[in-house]
Protein backbone atom coordinates (compact mmCIF):
# COMPACT_ATOMS: atom_id res chain seq x y z
CA UNK A 1 71.86 -15.00 -24.60
CA UNK A 2 71.29 -17.35 -21.67
CA UNK A 3 73.71 -15.35 -19.53
CA UNK A 4 71.83 -12.15 -20.33
CA UNK A 5 68.52 -13.74 -19.38
CA UNK A 6 69.96 -15.10 -16.14
CA UNK A 7 71.34 -11.67 -15.28
CA UNK A 8 67.94 -10.05 -15.96
CA UNK A 9 66.22 -12.67 -13.77
CA UNK A 10 68.73 -12.10 -10.98
CA UNK A 11 68.21 -8.33 -11.18
CA UNK A 12 64.43 -8.73 -10.99
CA UNK A 13 64.72 -11.05 -7.99
CA UNK A 14 67.03 -8.65 -6.19
CA UNK A 15 64.67 -5.77 -7.01
CA UNK A 16 61.72 -7.36 -5.20
CA UNK A 17 63.55 -9.20 -2.39
CA UNK A 18 63.42 -7.85 1.15
CA UNK A 19 66.28 -8.00 3.63
CA UNK A 20 66.18 -8.08 7.41
CA UNK A 21 66.26 -4.30 7.71
CA UNK A 22 63.17 -4.03 5.44
CA UNK A 23 61.24 -6.48 7.62
CA UNK A 24 62.34 -4.63 10.76
CA UNK A 25 61.13 -1.29 9.33
CA UNK A 26 57.79 -2.85 8.31
CA UNK A 27 57.31 -4.20 11.83
CA UNK A 28 58.16 -0.81 13.36
CA UNK A 29 55.67 0.92 11.03
CA UNK A 30 52.99 -1.65 11.88
CA UNK A 31 53.53 -1.20 15.62
CA UNK A 32 53.49 2.58 15.26
CA UNK A 33 50.24 2.47 13.25
CA UNK A 34 48.60 0.25 15.88
CA UNK A 35 49.77 2.53 18.69
CA UNK A 36 48.46 5.65 16.94
CA UNK A 37 45.09 3.97 16.33
CA UNK A 38 44.89 2.89 19.98
CA UNK A 39 45.78 6.36 21.31
CA UNK A 40 43.34 8.07 18.94
CA UNK A 41 40.50 5.83 20.11
CA UNK A 42 41.34 6.06 23.83
CA UNK A 43 43.21 9.30 24.47
CA UNK A 44 41.62 11.67 21.96
CA UNK A 45 38.27 13.07 23.02
CA UNK A 46 36.82 13.35 19.53
CA UNK A 47 33.79 11.64 18.05
CA UNK A 48 34.52 10.67 14.48
CA UNK A 49 31.69 10.99 12.00
CA UNK A 50 33.01 9.82 8.65
CA UNK A 51 29.56 9.05 7.27
CA UNK A 52 28.47 12.66 7.65
CA UNK A 53 31.75 13.94 6.18
CA UNK A 54 31.53 11.69 3.11
CA UNK A 55 27.89 12.63 2.60
CA UNK A 56 28.74 16.32 2.95
CA UNK A 57 31.49 16.40 0.31
CA UNK A 58 29.25 14.57 -2.18
CA UNK A 59 26.19 16.78 -1.57
CA UNK A 60 25.39 18.87 -4.70
CA UNK A 61 25.03 22.61 -4.33
CA UNK A 62 21.63 24.26 -4.10
CA UNK A 63 21.86 25.44 -7.73
CA UNK A 64 22.39 21.87 -8.93
CA UNK A 65 26.09 22.32 -9.60
CA UNK A 66 28.94 20.08 -8.55
CA UNK A 67 29.51 19.57 -4.81
CA UNK A 68 31.45 22.45 -3.30
CA UNK A 69 34.36 20.16 -2.36
CA UNK A 70 34.86 18.98 -5.94
CA UNK A 71 34.54 22.51 -7.28
CA UNK A 72 37.50 23.39 -5.06
CA UNK A 73 39.37 20.31 -6.29
CA UNK A 74 38.80 21.29 -9.94
CA UNK A 75 39.88 24.84 -9.14
CA UNK A 76 43.11 23.50 -7.64
CA UNK A 77 43.72 21.39 -10.76
CA UNK A 78 43.08 24.39 -13.02
CA UNK A 79 45.30 26.63 -10.92
CA UNK A 80 48.10 24.04 -10.81
CA UNK A 81 48.04 23.31 -14.55
CA UNK A 82 48.15 26.95 -15.65
CA UNK A 83 50.64 27.82 -12.92
CA UNK A 84 52.87 24.95 -14.05
CA UNK A 85 52.72 26.08 -17.67
CA UNK A 86 53.72 29.62 -16.67
CA UNK A 87 56.44 28.40 -14.29
CA UNK A 88 58.03 26.05 -16.85
CA UNK A 89 58.00 28.61 -19.66
CA UNK A 90 59.26 31.52 -17.56
CA UNK A 91 61.63 29.33 -15.55
CA UNK A 92 63.21 27.89 -18.71
CA UNK A 93 63.79 31.38 -20.11
CA UNK A 94 65.25 32.57 -16.82
CA UNK A 95 67.46 29.48 -16.57
CA UNK A 96 68.87 30.02 -20.06
CA UNK A 97 69.40 33.72 -19.29
CA UNK A 98 71.07 32.83 -15.98
CA UNK A 99 73.45 30.52 -17.87
CA UNK A 100 74.17 33.10 -20.55
CA UNK A 101 77.54 34.81 -20.79
CA UNK A 102 75.83 38.09 -21.74
CA UNK A 103 75.47 40.31 -18.66
CA UNK A 104 72.38 42.00 -20.10
CA UNK A 105 70.52 38.69 -19.78
CA UNK A 106 72.30 37.15 -16.80
CA UNK A 107 72.08 40.03 -14.30
CA UNK A 108 68.28 40.66 -14.47
CA UNK A 109 67.60 36.91 -14.34
CA UNK A 110 69.87 36.51 -11.32
CA UNK A 111 68.24 39.49 -9.59
CA UNK A 112 64.74 38.08 -10.12
CA UNK A 113 65.71 34.62 -8.88
CA UNK A 114 67.43 35.95 -5.76
CA UNK A 115 64.55 38.30 -5.01
CA UNK A 116 61.83 35.65 -5.25
CA UNK A 117 63.78 32.93 -3.45
CA UNK A 118 64.56 35.19 -0.49
CA UNK A 119 61.03 36.51 0.10
CA UNK A 120 58.61 34.35 2.11
CA UNK A 121 55.85 33.04 -0.21
CA UNK A 122 53.13 34.44 2.05
CA UNK A 123 54.62 37.94 1.91
CA UNK A 124 55.00 37.68 -1.87
CA UNK A 125 51.35 36.64 -2.31
CA UNK A 126 50.08 39.59 -0.26
CA UNK A 127 52.41 42.08 -2.00
CA UNK A 128 51.46 40.79 -5.43
CA UNK A 129 47.71 40.64 -4.83
CA UNK A 130 47.12 43.88 -2.95
CA UNK A 131 49.68 46.10 -4.66
CA UNK A 132 50.70 44.69 -8.03
CA UNK A 133 47.58 42.81 -9.18
CA UNK A 134 45.21 45.68 -8.45
CA UNK A 135 47.38 47.98 -10.57
CA UNK A 136 48.39 45.46 -13.24
CA UNK A 137 44.91 44.48 -14.42
CA UNK A 138 43.75 48.05 -15.24
CA UNK A 139 47.16 48.84 -16.74
CA UNK A 140 46.89 45.93 -19.19
CA UNK A 141 43.31 46.82 -20.08
CA UNK A 142 41.97 43.53 -18.74
CA UNK A 143 39.37 45.10 -16.46
CA UNK A 144 36.41 44.73 -18.90
CA UNK A 145 37.27 41.05 -19.51
CA UNK A 146 38.06 39.97 -15.95
CA UNK A 147 35.82 42.18 -13.81
CA UNK A 148 32.94 43.23 -16.04
CA UNK A 149 32.42 40.18 -18.24
CA UNK A 150 28.73 39.29 -18.24
CA UNK A 151 28.25 37.39 -21.50
CA UNK A 152 27.92 33.67 -21.96
CA UNK A 153 31.04 31.54 -22.13
CA UNK A 154 31.62 28.32 -24.05
CA UNK A 155 32.05 24.88 -22.50
CA UNK A 156 35.76 24.92 -23.36
CA UNK A 157 36.21 28.30 -21.67
CA UNK A 158 34.35 27.01 -18.63
CA UNK A 159 36.59 23.92 -18.40
CA UNK A 160 39.84 25.82 -18.93
CA UNK A 161 39.11 28.96 -16.92
CA UNK A 162 36.02 28.29 -14.78
CA UNK A 163 33.22 30.79 -14.18
CA UNK A 164 33.76 34.24 -15.68
CA UNK A 165 33.11 35.88 -12.32
CA UNK A 166 36.26 34.21 -10.93
CA UNK A 167 38.63 34.88 -13.84
CA UNK A 168 40.36 37.70 -11.99
CA UNK A 169 40.99 35.40 -9.01
CA UNK A 170 42.27 32.65 -11.30
CA UNK A 171 44.69 35.01 -13.05
CA UNK A 172 45.99 36.35 -9.74
CA UNK A 173 46.48 32.84 -8.38
CA UNK A 174 48.19 31.55 -11.53
CA UNK A 175 50.57 34.53 -11.58
CA UNK A 176 51.37 34.09 -7.88
CA UNK A 177 52.22 30.38 -7.96
CA UNK A 178 53.75 30.61 -11.44
CA UNK A 179 56.10 33.48 -10.63
CA UNK A 180 57.13 31.83 -7.36
CA UNK A 181 57.88 28.44 -8.93
CA UNK A 182 59.60 29.96 -11.97
CA UNK A 183 62.50 31.14 -9.80
CA UNK A 184 63.16 27.60 -8.55
CA UNK A 185 62.68 25.99 -11.96
CA UNK A 186 65.15 28.50 -13.39
CA UNK A 187 67.85 27.19 -11.06
CA UNK A 188 66.97 23.62 -12.03
CA UNK A 189 67.34 24.49 -15.72
CA UNK A 190 70.60 26.35 -15.08
CA UNK A 191 72.03 23.36 -13.21
CA UNK A 192 70.94 21.08 -16.05
CA UNK A 193 72.69 23.26 -18.62
CA UNK A 194 75.86 23.36 -16.55
CA UNK A 195 75.83 19.56 -16.21
CA UNK A 196 76.22 19.09 -19.96
CA UNK A 197 79.86 18.15 -20.72
CA UNK A 198 81.90 20.82 -22.46
CA UNK A 199 82.56 18.40 -25.33
CA UNK A 200 78.87 18.37 -26.25
CA UNK A 201 78.85 22.15 -26.66
CA UNK A 202 82.04 22.05 -28.69
CA UNK A 203 80.70 19.25 -30.90
CA UNK A 204 77.51 21.21 -31.61
CA UNK A 205 79.58 24.31 -32.41
CA UNK A 206 81.94 22.39 -34.71
CA UNK A 207 79.00 21.05 -36.71
CA UNK A 208 78.05 24.63 -37.57
CA UNK A 209 74.58 24.32 -36.09
CA UNK A 210 72.51 27.39 -35.38
CA UNK A 211 71.74 28.28 -31.78
CA UNK A 212 68.17 26.94 -32.11
CA UNK A 213 69.31 23.65 -33.70
CA UNK A 214 72.06 23.24 -31.11
CA UNK A 215 69.61 23.54 -28.22
CA UNK A 216 66.84 21.62 -29.99
CA UNK A 217 68.73 18.50 -31.08
CA UNK A 218 71.77 18.23 -28.81
CA UNK A 219 71.44 20.18 -25.57
CA UNK A 220 67.71 20.04 -24.75
CA UNK A 221 67.30 16.20 -24.79
CA UNK A 222 70.18 15.83 -22.36
CA UNK A 223 68.99 18.65 -20.13
CA UNK A 224 65.42 17.31 -19.97
CA UNK A 225 66.70 13.87 -18.95
CA UNK A 226 68.95 15.37 -16.28
CA UNK A 227 66.40 17.73 -14.71
CA UNK A 228 63.24 15.59 -14.86
CA UNK A 229 63.50 14.34 -11.22
CA UNK A 230 64.11 17.86 -9.88
CA UNK A 231 61.39 19.25 -12.14
CA UNK A 232 58.97 16.65 -10.79
CA UNK A 233 59.74 17.80 -7.26
CA UNK A 234 59.06 21.42 -8.19
CA UNK A 235 55.80 20.50 -9.93
CA UNK A 236 54.61 18.61 -6.85
CA UNK A 237 55.63 21.53 -4.65
CA UNK A 238 53.64 23.86 -6.91
CA UNK A 239 50.48 21.76 -6.40
CA UNK A 240 50.94 21.87 -2.63
CA UNK A 241 51.96 25.54 -2.59
CA UNK A 242 48.80 26.45 -4.53
CA UNK A 243 47.01 26.19 -1.19
CA UNK A 244 48.63 29.47 -0.11
CA UNK A 245 46.43 31.48 -2.47
CA UNK A 246 43.43 30.54 -0.32
CA UNK A 247 44.55 33.48 1.84
CA UNK A 248 43.49 35.88 -0.92
CA UNK A 249 40.03 34.28 -1.17
CA UNK A 250 40.69 32.11 -4.24
CA UNK A 251 38.24 29.23 -3.96
CA UNK A 252 40.61 26.31 -4.39
CA UNK A 253 40.66 23.11 -2.32
CA UNK A 254 42.13 24.53 0.88
CA UNK A 255 39.76 27.50 0.90
CA UNK A 256 36.78 25.20 0.30
CA UNK A 257 38.00 22.78 2.96
CA UNK A 258 38.25 25.61 5.48
CA UNK A 259 34.68 26.75 4.83
CA UNK A 260 33.23 23.21 4.94
CA UNK A 261 35.13 22.30 8.13
CA UNK A 262 34.12 25.51 9.91
CA UNK A 263 30.45 25.28 8.91
CA UNK A 264 30.02 21.58 9.65
CA UNK A 265 32.24 21.15 12.70
CA UNK A 266 33.80 18.03 11.13
CA UNK A 267 37.28 19.45 11.51
CA UNK A 268 39.48 16.34 11.43
CA UNK A 269 37.41 14.44 8.86
CA UNK A 270 37.30 17.26 6.30
CA UNK A 271 40.98 18.14 6.66
CA UNK A 272 42.00 14.50 6.33
CA UNK A 273 39.95 14.28 3.14
CA UNK A 274 41.58 17.47 1.86
CA UNK A 275 45.01 16.01 2.64
CA UNK A 276 44.05 12.78 0.87
CA UNK A 277 43.02 14.73 -2.23
CA UNK A 278 46.38 16.52 -2.33
CA UNK A 279 48.15 13.18 -1.80
CA UNK A 280 46.35 11.58 -4.75
CA UNK A 281 47.10 14.57 -7.01
CA UNK A 282 50.79 14.53 -6.10
CA UNK A 283 51.11 10.76 -6.53
CA UNK A 284 49.53 10.93 -10.00
CA UNK A 285 51.89 13.75 -10.92
CA UNK A 286 54.86 11.77 -9.60
CA UNK A 287 53.91 8.76 -11.72
CA UNK A 288 53.53 10.92 -14.83
CA UNK A 289 56.99 12.44 -14.36
CA UNK A 290 58.43 8.97 -13.68
CA UNK A 291 57.14 7.77 -17.05
CA UNK A 292 58.43 10.95 -18.71
CA UNK A 293 61.88 10.34 -17.24
CA UNK A 294 61.95 6.74 -18.52
CA UNK A 295 60.87 7.80 -22.01
CA UNK A 296 63.42 10.62 -22.16
CA UNK A 297 66.20 8.23 -21.13
CA UNK A 298 65.12 5.67 -23.72
CA UNK A 299 64.96 8.37 -26.39
CA UNK A 300 68.41 9.64 -25.43
CA UNK A 301 69.90 6.15 -25.59
CA UNK A 302 68.26 5.47 -28.94
CA UNK A 303 69.86 8.59 -30.40
């Protein structure tokens, strides 16, 4: 017992101790930060006005609604959440199909993944929005709901989907980022399935489990633990890549930041605040996935 405690104490001390290389890197970063601050104050001919920028992003709109900046932030959150849901669901199905031995499932999944991964995201967004989206909405009969909706909406609908006048934009943006990210998540899921030892599959088969039970109780817990770090990276990339839909006039954070910066002339201040907002969102998401990874590992060890 005492040996175990001493080992734990030694591990904790080693975890927080810094070596000479760490101190050297901290000094280099400090010197670099000081040099950048000095050059920005001397060599850059720009008059910073942070007070005006902060006041501007917190100024309510004329109709009494939330400040325009925070409306864009909420729109980015909404777009990222729904896009992530779509990407995880579709990507998981594509990953399982890609891993399947049945050609009927494997070939279409492989074709979709290769097609999406080898088209620039910007080109895909324009193709989808101007050609597919304009034809898809009338084809599915969603035109009265998305383009002609004029009735009142509930608070829950407003929180989940925003203003009814922007539902078409939201759907287009969610489909764009979701379909793009699904191709990458599919490869993550496929790699996770292939990392499971062959003995685990054979053990599940020998127990006579159904396909659902085999994936639910034996394969899925191991796959989730294995792919959580890569999945976290894709989720963070999805949040950052959501800025690309600003090019099709979806009023998320980047679109709002562009309008505020151009109208106010506070170019650097507004864009630094936009970058800070993305940084905070991605850090929160990284922490959430870190906790999910720890819980999944603990659950896997307990079983």
